[in-house]
N, C-alpha and C. Protein backbone atom coordinates (compact mmCIF):
# COMPACT_ATOMS: atom_id res chain seq x y z
N MET A 1 102.90 92.79 123.33
CA MET A 1 102.95 93.86 122.27
C MET A 1 101.34 94.51 121.93
N ILE A 2 101.49 95.75 121.73
CA ILE A 2 100.22 96.24 121.39
C ILE A 2 100.12 96.77 119.99
N PHE A 3 99.02 96.10 119.24
CA PHE A 3 99.04 96.64 117.90
C PHE A 3 98.67 97.94 117.84
N GLY A 4 99.26 98.59 116.92
CA GLY A 4 98.97 100.00 116.58
C GLY A 4 99.46 100.95 117.29
N ASP A 5 100.67 100.45 118.22
CA ASP A 5 101.42 101.44 119.03
C ASP A 5 102.35 102.19 118.28
N SER A 6 102.43 103.43 118.10
CA SER A 6 103.15 104.01 117.08
C SER A 6 104.40 104.08 117.47
N LYS A 7 104.95 103.93 118.62
CA LYS A 7 106.36 103.88 118.87
C LYS A 7 106.88 102.41 118.57
N ALA A 8 106.11 101.44 118.23
CA ALA A 8 106.78 100.11 118.10
C ALA A 8 107.49 100.29 116.56
N PRO A 9 108.34 99.58 116.37
CA PRO A 9 108.66 99.25 114.57
C PRO A 9 107.89 98.61 114.13
N CYS A 10 107.48 99.07 112.72
CA CYS A 10 106.45 98.61 111.94
C CYS A 10 107.00 97.82 110.76
N ALA A 11 106.36 96.85 110.37
CA ALA A 11 106.70 96.32 109.06
C ALA A 11 105.21 95.86 108.27
N GLU A 12 105.71 95.99 106.83
CA GLU A 12 104.72 95.74 106.01
C GLU A 12 105.21 94.43 104.91
N LEU A 13 104.18 93.44 104.80
CA LEU A 13 104.61 92.24 103.85
C LEU A 13 104.00 92.66 102.63
N VAL A 14 104.82 92.37 101.57
CA VAL A 14 104.11 92.40 100.08
C VAL A 14 104.33 91.02 99.42
N VAL A 15 103.34 90.18 99.13
CA VAL A 15 103.40 88.71 98.53
C VAL A 15 103.19 89.38 97.06
N ILE A 16 103.99 88.88 96.18
CA ILE A 16 103.97 89.20 94.76
C ILE A 16 103.77 87.64 93.78
N GLY A 17 102.72 87.99 93.09
CA GLY A 17 102.73 86.59 92.19
C GLY A 17 101.18 86.37 91.65
N ASP A 18 100.92 86.12 90.48
CA ASP A 18 99.49 85.97 89.90
C ASP A 18 99.14 84.52 90.38
N GLU A 19 100.10 83.70 90.66
CA GLU A 19 99.81 82.48 91.10
C GLU A 19 99.19 82.40 92.60
N VAL A 20 99.59 83.37 93.27
CA VAL A 20 99.18 83.44 94.66
C VAL A 20 97.68 84.38 94.60
N VAL A 21 97.62 85.47 93.78
CA VAL A 21 96.45 86.18 93.92
C VAL A 21 95.43 85.09 93.31
N SER A 22 95.68 84.44 92.22
CA SER A 22 94.53 83.59 91.68
C SER A 22 94.16 82.36 92.26
N GLY A 23 94.83 82.00 93.46
CA GLY A 23 94.54 80.87 94.40
C GLY A 23 95.19 79.57 93.94
N LEU A 24 95.90 79.70 93.04
CA LEU A 24 96.70 78.52 92.45
C LEU A 24 97.61 78.11 93.60
N ILE A 25 98.29 78.96 94.26
CA ILE A 25 99.40 78.39 95.45
C ILE A 25 98.82 79.24 96.66
N LEU A 26 98.75 78.67 97.80
CA LEU A 26 98.36 79.12 98.99
C LEU A 26 99.51 79.86 99.45
N ASP A 27 99.17 81.13 99.85
CA ASP A 27 100.42 81.75 100.65
C ASP A 27 100.57 81.47 102.14
N ARG A 28 101.49 80.68 102.05
CA ARG A 28 102.18 80.55 103.44
C ARG A 28 103.23 81.23 103.96
N ASN A 29 103.78 82.27 102.81
CA ASN A 29 104.83 83.02 103.20
C ASN A 29 104.59 83.88 104.15
N SER A 30 103.50 84.80 103.84
CA SER A 30 103.13 85.83 104.97
C SER A 30 102.56 85.41 106.28
N GLN A 31 102.00 84.17 106.49
CA GLN A 31 101.72 83.52 107.60
C GLN A 31 103.03 83.31 108.21
N TYR A 32 104.04 82.67 107.73
CA TYR A 32 105.37 82.46 108.27
C TYR A 32 106.02 83.78 108.92
N LEU A 33 106.09 84.71 107.82
CA LEU A 33 106.72 85.96 108.14
C LEU A 33 106.13 86.73 109.41
N GLY A 34 104.64 86.74 109.33
CA GLY A 34 103.94 87.28 110.22
C GLY A 34 104.17 86.99 111.46
N GLU A 35 104.33 85.78 111.81
CA GLU A 35 104.82 85.06 113.12
C GLU A 35 105.82 85.41 113.65
N LYS A 36 106.95 85.25 112.69
CA LYS A 36 108.41 85.22 113.06
C LYS A 36 108.73 86.69 113.24
N ILE A 37 107.92 87.80 112.61
CA ILE A 37 108.62 89.12 112.65
C ILE A 37 107.77 89.66 113.94
N HIS A 38 106.46 89.06 114.29
CA HIS A 38 105.77 89.45 115.54
C HIS A 38 106.54 89.12 116.59
N GLU A 39 107.24 87.60 116.63
CA GLU A 39 108.18 87.38 117.72
C GLU A 39 109.24 88.01 118.05
N LEU A 40 109.72 89.03 117.00
CA LEU A 40 110.82 89.94 117.11
C LEU A 40 110.54 91.34 117.85
N GLY A 41 109.33 91.22 118.22
CA GLY A 41 108.75 92.57 118.72
C GLY A 41 108.29 93.69 117.81
N ILE A 42 108.04 93.21 116.46
CA ILE A 42 107.89 94.08 115.69
C ILE A 42 106.49 94.01 115.07
N GLU A 43 105.69 95.19 114.81
CA GLU A 43 104.20 94.85 114.33
C GLU A 43 104.15 94.71 113.11
N VAL A 44 103.43 93.96 112.41
CA VAL A 44 102.98 93.87 111.03
C VAL A 44 101.75 94.50 110.99
N SER A 45 101.90 95.76 110.15
CA SER A 45 100.74 96.39 110.10
C SER A 45 99.72 96.03 108.64
N ARG A 46 100.63 95.58 107.69
CA ARG A 46 99.59 95.19 106.58
C ARG A 46 100.55 93.94 105.93
N ILE A 47 99.46 93.36 105.25
CA ILE A 47 99.96 92.00 104.35
C ILE A 47 99.29 92.37 103.18
N THR A 48 99.93 92.70 101.96
CA THR A 48 99.28 93.03 100.67
C THR A 48 99.82 91.88 99.77
N THR A 49 98.80 91.43 98.94
CA THR A 49 99.22 90.46 97.72
C THR A 49 98.91 91.02 96.74
N VAL A 50 99.73 91.18 95.72
CA VAL A 50 99.37 91.72 94.29
C VAL A 50 100.00 90.79 93.25
N GLY A 51 99.47 90.85 91.92
CA GLY A 51 99.83 89.88 90.97
C GLY A 51 101.11 90.42 90.25
N ASP A 52 101.40 89.87 89.13
CA ASP A 52 102.69 90.34 88.29
C ASP A 52 102.33 91.44 87.67
N SER A 53 102.02 92.66 87.98
CA SER A 53 101.96 93.95 87.58
C SER A 53 102.92 94.91 87.86
N ALA A 54 103.81 95.47 87.25
CA ALA A 54 104.91 96.28 87.47
C ALA A 54 104.24 97.48 88.11
N ALA A 55 103.16 98.12 87.62
CA ALA A 55 102.65 99.62 87.95
C ALA A 55 102.20 99.28 89.60
N ILE A 56 101.57 98.05 89.79
CA ILE A 56 100.57 97.96 90.96
C ILE A 56 101.89 97.45 92.11
N ILE A 57 102.80 96.77 91.62
CA ILE A 57 104.22 96.29 92.67
C ILE A 57 104.60 97.50 93.11
N GLU A 58 104.96 98.52 91.96
CA GLU A 58 105.75 99.79 92.37
C GLU A 58 104.94 100.57 93.33
N ASP A 59 103.60 100.87 93.06
CA ASP A 59 102.81 101.45 94.19
C ASP A 59 102.91 101.07 95.45
N CYS A 60 102.60 99.67 95.62
CA CYS A 60 102.74 98.94 97.00
C CYS A 60 104.10 99.24 97.55
N VAL A 61 105.10 99.08 96.94
CA VAL A 61 106.27 99.16 97.30
C VAL A 61 106.50 100.70 97.83
N LYS A 62 106.35 101.53 96.98
CA LYS A 62 106.60 103.06 97.43
C LYS A 62 105.58 103.37 98.77
N LEU A 63 104.50 103.08 98.60
CA LEU A 63 103.78 103.44 99.96
C LEU A 63 104.27 102.48 101.02
N ALA A 64 104.55 101.38 100.89
CA ALA A 64 104.99 100.56 102.27
C ALA A 64 106.19 101.51 102.81
N LEU A 65 107.29 101.70 101.64
CA LEU A 65 108.37 102.50 102.21
C LEU A 65 108.11 103.75 102.93
N GLU A 66 106.80 104.50 102.57
CA GLU A 66 106.73 105.64 103.10
C GLU A 66 105.98 105.29 104.49
N ARG A 67 105.49 104.14 104.71
CA ARG A 67 104.70 104.10 105.92
C ARG A 67 105.48 103.15 107.13
N SER A 68 106.39 102.22 106.68
CA SER A 68 106.92 101.43 107.52
C SER A 68 108.22 101.54 107.75
N ASP A 69 109.03 100.74 108.89
CA ASP A 69 110.42 100.59 109.04
C ASP A 69 111.13 99.58 108.29
N TRP A 70 110.26 98.47 107.96
CA TRP A 70 110.69 97.37 107.43
C TRP A 70 109.50 97.14 106.37
N VAL A 71 110.01 96.99 105.07
CA VAL A 71 109.32 95.95 104.23
C VAL A 71 109.70 94.90 103.59
N VAL A 72 108.97 93.93 103.60
CA VAL A 72 109.45 92.36 103.30
C VAL A 72 108.68 91.87 102.25
N LEU A 73 109.40 91.87 100.83
CA LEU A 73 108.81 91.37 99.53
C LEU A 73 108.89 89.88 99.50
N THR A 74 108.01 89.15 99.03
CA THR A 74 108.14 87.66 98.63
C THR A 74 107.92 87.71 97.16
N GLY A 75 108.51 86.87 96.31
CA GLY A 75 108.01 86.50 95.14
C GLY A 75 108.94 87.53 94.07
N GLY A 76 108.57 86.86 92.70
CA GLY A 76 109.04 87.48 91.66
C GLY A 76 110.58 87.67 91.46
N LEU A 77 111.32 87.03 91.95
CA LEU A 77 112.80 87.02 91.85
C LEU A 77 113.43 86.00 90.85
N GLY A 78 112.56 85.01 90.27
CA GLY A 78 113.10 83.94 89.50
C GLY A 78 113.52 84.32 88.36
N ALA A 79 113.60 83.47 87.22
CA ALA A 79 114.29 83.78 85.92
C ALA A 79 112.95 83.54 84.81
N THR A 80 111.82 83.56 85.35
CA THR A 80 110.90 83.33 84.17
C THR A 80 110.35 84.75 83.78
N HIS A 81 109.59 84.74 82.67
CA HIS A 81 109.33 86.08 82.13
C HIS A 81 108.20 86.88 83.08
N ASP A 82 107.71 86.40 84.16
CA ASP A 82 106.89 87.04 84.96
C ASP A 82 107.31 87.55 86.30
N ASP A 83 108.69 87.22 86.39
CA ASP A 83 109.47 87.49 87.66
C ASP A 83 109.92 88.81 87.18
N ILE A 84 109.15 90.15 87.65
CA ILE A 84 109.49 91.32 87.36
C ILE A 84 109.73 92.27 88.55
N THR A 85 110.11 91.65 89.96
CA THR A 85 110.10 92.47 91.02
C THR A 85 111.62 93.03 91.08
N LYS A 86 112.42 92.55 90.52
CA LYS A 86 114.04 93.01 90.47
C LYS A 86 113.75 94.30 89.71
N SER A 87 113.04 94.21 88.45
CA SER A 87 113.13 95.39 87.65
C SER A 87 111.85 96.43 88.31
N VAL A 88 111.14 96.28 88.91
CA VAL A 88 110.49 97.19 89.69
C VAL A 88 111.40 97.80 90.67
N LEU A 89 112.11 97.16 91.47
CA LEU A 89 113.02 97.85 92.48
C LEU A 89 114.04 98.75 91.75
N LEU A 90 114.46 98.40 90.66
CA LEU A 90 115.33 99.36 89.83
C LEU A 90 114.74 100.37 89.45
N THR A 91 113.42 100.71 89.67
CA THR A 91 112.63 101.86 89.34
C THR A 91 112.46 102.40 90.37
N VAL A 92 112.05 101.90 91.42
CA VAL A 92 111.60 102.51 92.93
C VAL A 92 113.01 103.15 93.48
N PHE A 93 114.03 102.18 93.24
CA PHE A 93 115.41 102.76 94.05
C PHE A 93 116.12 103.57 92.98
N GLU A 94 115.91 103.69 91.69
CA GLU A 94 116.48 104.47 90.78
C GLU A 94 117.98 104.10 90.40
N CYS A 95 118.13 102.80 89.96
CA CYS A 95 119.36 102.27 89.92
C CYS A 95 119.48 101.46 88.87
N GLY A 96 120.57 100.74 88.51
CA GLY A 96 120.62 100.03 87.38
C GLY A 96 121.08 98.83 88.05
N LEU A 97 121.54 97.63 87.04
CA LEU A 97 122.08 96.62 87.53
C LEU A 97 123.54 96.41 87.33
N LYS A 98 124.16 95.38 88.08
CA LYS A 98 125.48 94.97 88.06
C LYS A 98 125.58 93.49 88.27
N LYS A 99 126.84 93.04 87.48
CA LYS A 99 126.90 91.53 87.51
C LYS A 99 127.43 91.23 89.18
N ASP A 100 127.08 90.44 89.77
CA ASP A 100 127.68 89.79 90.95
C ASP A 100 128.43 88.57 90.94
N SER A 101 129.63 88.31 90.84
CA SER A 101 130.33 87.24 90.64
C SER A 101 130.16 86.08 91.45
N LYS A 102 129.74 86.43 92.87
CA LYS A 102 129.29 85.44 93.66
C LYS A 102 128.20 84.88 93.50
N VAL A 103 127.11 85.42 92.99
CA VAL A 103 126.10 84.68 92.86
C VAL A 103 126.43 84.02 91.23
N ALA A 104 127.34 84.43 90.39
CA ALA A 104 127.53 83.53 89.34
C ALA A 104 128.41 82.42 89.75
N ASP A 105 129.36 82.32 90.76
CA ASP A 105 130.00 81.35 91.21
C ASP A 105 128.78 80.23 91.89
N MET A 106 128.23 80.84 92.71
CA MET A 106 127.12 80.04 93.24
C MET A 106 126.11 79.23 92.40
N LEU A 107 125.77 79.83 91.44
CA LEU A 107 124.94 79.17 90.28
C LEU A 107 125.64 78.16 89.35
N GLU A 108 127.05 78.20 89.09
CA GLU A 108 127.78 77.26 88.55
C GLU A 108 128.11 76.20 89.44
N LYS A 109 128.49 76.50 90.71
CA LYS A 109 128.65 75.15 91.54
C LYS A 109 127.35 74.44 91.74
N ARG A 110 126.28 74.97 91.91
CA ARG A 110 124.86 74.54 91.98
C ARG A 110 124.66 73.46 90.93
N PHE A 111 124.76 73.96 89.62
CA PHE A 111 124.55 73.17 88.46
C PHE A 111 125.42 72.03 88.27
N GLN A 112 126.81 72.44 88.65
CA GLN A 112 127.81 71.56 88.46
C GLN A 112 127.59 70.25 89.41
N ALA A 113 127.01 70.34 90.68
CA ALA A 113 126.59 69.50 91.54
C ALA A 113 125.75 68.68 91.23
N ARG A 114 124.71 68.93 90.23
CA ARG A 114 123.89 68.25 89.55
C ARG A 114 124.31 67.63 88.30
N GLY A 115 125.46 67.72 87.88
CA GLY A 115 126.00 67.41 86.72
C GLY A 115 125.32 67.95 85.58
N ARG A 116 124.87 68.93 85.51
CA ARG A 116 124.37 69.98 84.46
C ARG A 116 125.09 70.98 84.17
N GLU A 117 124.55 71.89 83.07
CA GLU A 117 125.06 73.17 82.80
C GLU A 117 123.78 74.20 82.99
N GLY A 118 124.01 75.27 83.52
CA GLY A 118 122.95 76.21 84.05
C GLY A 118 122.54 76.66 82.94
N PRO A 119 120.99 76.46 82.84
CA PRO A 119 120.19 77.09 81.56
C PRO A 119 120.51 78.64 81.36
N GLU A 120 120.48 79.13 80.12
CA GLU A 120 120.84 80.70 79.79
C GLU A 120 119.83 81.48 80.62
N SER A 121 118.63 81.11 80.88
CA SER A 121 117.58 81.95 81.43
C SER A 121 118.09 82.34 83.02
N VAL A 122 118.78 81.32 83.67
CA VAL A 122 119.25 81.43 84.97
C VAL A 122 120.48 82.49 85.23
N GLN A 123 120.86 82.66 84.04
CA GLN A 123 121.99 83.59 84.23
C GLN A 123 121.68 85.26 84.58
N SER A 124 120.29 85.51 84.35
CA SER A 124 119.98 86.66 84.90
C SER A 124 119.97 86.89 86.35
N GLN A 125 119.93 85.92 86.83
CA GLN A 125 120.10 85.99 88.36
C GLN A 125 121.35 86.42 89.05
N CYS A 126 122.29 86.40 87.94
CA CYS A 126 123.68 87.26 88.52
C CYS A 126 123.69 88.71 88.50
N GLU A 127 122.56 89.39 87.64
CA GLU A 127 122.43 90.59 87.73
C GLU A 127 121.55 91.06 88.58
N VAL A 128 122.24 92.03 89.63
CA VAL A 128 121.59 92.44 90.85
C VAL A 128 121.41 93.96 90.76
N PRO A 129 120.61 94.51 91.71
CA PRO A 129 120.46 96.12 91.81
C PRO A 129 121.67 96.63 92.37
N GLU A 130 122.16 97.65 91.63
CA GLU A 130 123.50 98.27 92.31
C GLU A 130 123.59 98.82 93.64
N LYS A 131 122.41 99.30 93.99
CA LYS A 131 122.01 99.66 95.33
C LYS A 131 121.51 98.61 96.35
N ALA A 132 121.80 97.22 96.02
CA ALA A 132 121.30 96.51 96.95
C ALA A 132 122.44 95.52 97.64
N GLU A 133 122.25 95.57 98.74
CA GLU A 133 123.18 94.43 99.46
C GLU A 133 122.72 93.19 99.27
N ILE A 134 123.46 92.11 98.78
CA ILE A 134 122.96 90.69 98.18
C ILE A 134 122.63 89.91 99.20
N LEU A 135 122.02 89.14 99.41
CA LEU A 135 121.47 88.10 100.50
C LEU A 135 121.61 86.82 99.41
N TYR A 136 122.86 86.19 99.65
CA TYR A 136 123.31 85.06 99.11
C TYR A 136 122.35 83.73 99.64
N ASN A 137 121.72 83.19 98.54
CA ASN A 137 120.80 82.13 98.71
C ASN A 137 121.37 80.58 98.40
N GLU A 138 121.68 80.18 99.54
CA GLU A 138 122.33 78.63 99.68
C GLU A 138 121.26 77.79 98.99
N GLU A 139 119.99 77.98 99.29
CA GLU A 139 118.96 77.06 98.97
C GLU A 139 118.45 77.03 97.54
N GLY A 140 118.85 78.22 96.98
CA GLY A 140 118.01 78.29 95.58
C GLY A 140 118.97 78.98 94.44
N THR A 141 118.08 79.30 93.37
CA THR A 141 119.18 80.21 92.41
C THR A 141 118.83 81.87 92.56
N ALA A 142 117.82 82.08 93.32
CA ALA A 142 117.57 83.67 93.21
C ALA A 142 118.05 84.17 94.78
N PRO A 143 118.95 85.20 94.53
CA PRO A 143 119.51 85.91 95.65
C PRO A 143 118.37 86.70 96.05
N GLY A 144 118.48 87.05 97.34
CA GLY A 144 117.60 88.13 97.77
C GLY A 144 118.02 89.55 97.89
N PHE A 145 117.55 90.56 98.11
CA PHE A 145 118.31 91.81 98.41
C PHE A 145 117.84 92.32 99.64
N LYS A 146 118.81 93.49 100.11
CA LYS A 146 118.12 94.33 101.07
C LYS A 146 118.56 95.77 100.39
N MET A 147 117.64 96.72 100.55
CA MET A 147 117.92 97.92 100.05
C MET A 147 117.20 98.97 101.17
N LYS A 148 117.81 100.34 101.14
CA LYS A 148 117.34 101.14 101.93
C LYS A 148 117.02 102.54 101.24
N LEU A 149 115.76 102.92 101.89
CA LEU A 149 115.37 104.09 101.21
C LEU A 149 114.87 105.05 102.47
N GLY A 150 115.60 106.32 102.71
CA GLY A 150 115.33 107.22 103.92
C GLY A 150 115.48 106.23 105.11
N ASN A 151 114.27 106.21 106.06
CA ASN A 151 114.65 105.44 107.17
C ASN A 151 114.13 103.83 107.14
N SER A 152 113.76 103.49 105.93
CA SER A 152 113.04 102.45 105.84
C SER A 152 114.18 101.23 105.14
N THR A 153 113.69 100.02 105.64
CA THR A 153 114.74 99.00 105.00
C THR A 153 113.97 98.11 104.29
N LEU A 154 114.19 97.63 103.10
CA LEU A 154 113.28 96.78 102.39
C LEU A 154 114.07 95.40 101.80
N PHE A 155 113.47 94.34 102.21
CA PHE A 155 113.97 92.98 101.96
C PHE A 155 113.09 92.62 100.79
N SER A 156 113.93 92.09 99.70
CA SER A 156 113.30 91.12 98.79
C SER A 156 113.59 89.86 98.74
N LEU A 157 112.72 88.97 99.10
CA LEU A 157 113.07 87.54 99.14
C LEU A 157 112.18 86.71 97.85
N PRO A 158 112.98 85.65 97.73
CA PRO A 158 112.41 84.57 96.74
C PRO A 158 111.08 84.16 97.32
N GLY A 159 110.03 83.74 96.37
CA GLY A 159 108.81 83.18 96.78
C GLY A 159 108.84 81.97 97.05
N VAL A 160 109.69 81.09 96.68
CA VAL A 160 109.72 79.74 97.11
C VAL A 160 110.08 79.50 98.64
N PRO A 161 108.90 78.97 99.48
CA PRO A 161 108.93 78.99 100.99
C PRO A 161 110.50 78.58 101.38
N LEU A 162 110.96 77.69 101.13
CA LEU A 162 112.34 77.24 101.62
C LEU A 162 113.49 77.89 101.42
N GLU A 163 113.26 78.84 100.40
CA GLU A 163 114.54 79.87 100.06
C GLU A 163 114.30 81.04 100.96
N MET A 164 112.79 81.39 100.94
CA MET A 164 112.49 82.42 101.78
C MET A 164 112.79 82.49 103.21
N GLN A 165 112.60 81.08 103.75
CA GLN A 165 112.59 81.07 104.96
C GLN A 165 114.14 81.09 105.54
N TYR A 166 115.11 80.46 104.33
CA TYR A 166 116.44 80.37 104.86
C TYR A 166 116.91 81.79 104.81
N LEU A 167 116.65 82.52 103.64
CA LEU A 167 117.30 84.00 103.75
C LEU A 167 116.66 84.96 104.87
N PHE A 168 115.18 84.63 105.26
CA PHE A 168 114.81 85.50 106.75
C PHE A 168 115.42 85.18 107.73
N GLU A 169 115.96 83.80 107.91
CA GLU A 169 116.56 83.28 109.30
C GLU A 169 117.90 83.84 109.29
N LYS A 170 118.61 83.76 108.10
CA LYS A 170 120.08 84.08 107.93
C LYS A 170 120.22 85.65 108.01
N PHE A 171 119.31 86.29 107.21
CA PHE A 171 119.87 87.75 107.21
C PHE A 171 118.79 88.89 107.72
N VAL A 172 117.65 88.48 107.50
CA VAL A 172 116.52 89.37 107.80
C VAL A 172 116.08 89.31 109.39
N ALA A 173 115.65 88.40 109.96
CA ALA A 173 115.72 88.22 111.29
C ALA A 173 116.79 88.88 112.49
N PRO A 174 118.07 88.48 112.03
CA PRO A 174 119.23 89.06 112.91
C PRO A 174 119.13 90.56 112.76
N GLU A 175 118.97 91.14 111.74
CA GLU A 175 118.89 92.63 111.61
C GLU A 175 117.73 93.07 112.19
N MET A 176 116.57 92.64 112.12
CA MET A 176 115.40 93.20 112.83
C MET A 176 115.70 93.09 114.19
N ALA A 177 116.04 91.78 114.71
CA ALA A 177 116.24 91.55 116.01
C ALA A 177 117.33 92.70 116.58
N ALA A 178 118.18 92.87 115.90
CA ALA A 178 119.35 93.89 116.67
C ALA A 178 118.78 95.40 116.52
N GLN A 179 118.10 95.79 115.44
CA GLN A 179 117.39 96.98 115.30
C GLN A 179 116.25 97.38 116.39
N SER A 180 115.45 96.08 116.61
CA SER A 180 114.32 96.47 117.49
C SER A 180 114.61 96.69 119.16
N ASN A 181 115.89 96.18 119.27
CA ASN A 181 116.30 96.30 120.89
C ASN A 181 116.77 97.44 121.17
């Protein structure tokens, strides 16, 4: 594959989180995703790392959707105050939230298996963007999302590497492989 070949499908990665930008956590997600996406024959044209700023995330996502066939976000899907990716996607895709009963059932079963009741904060994971196809996460509590805008497809994945890799392998890679052939 020749980088910069305008006929090749193009992907951008956006890594989200103050903990990554500050250096507290080493970004291994973009290394993993870059390698795996390249193996699928898709050029990764940009990797952008941003902090937990709604305005900056929104600008990055909008620009990436204009430039690329595929946009893969990691991070910001958890249930803490700084996990704002989902709310930014609501703005970018001009939609609201809906409750997903399958996510709710998965969360309940996950916490029951631990002999615990799910904390109230985790219940926000059941609220998903109306325009999203849900990527059900068997490895954690935060579901991923697939959303389309024009000719671009966006995948939003959790930042936890195990969860991100699981969702990438199960949902993202097969779709990218099918579309790039």
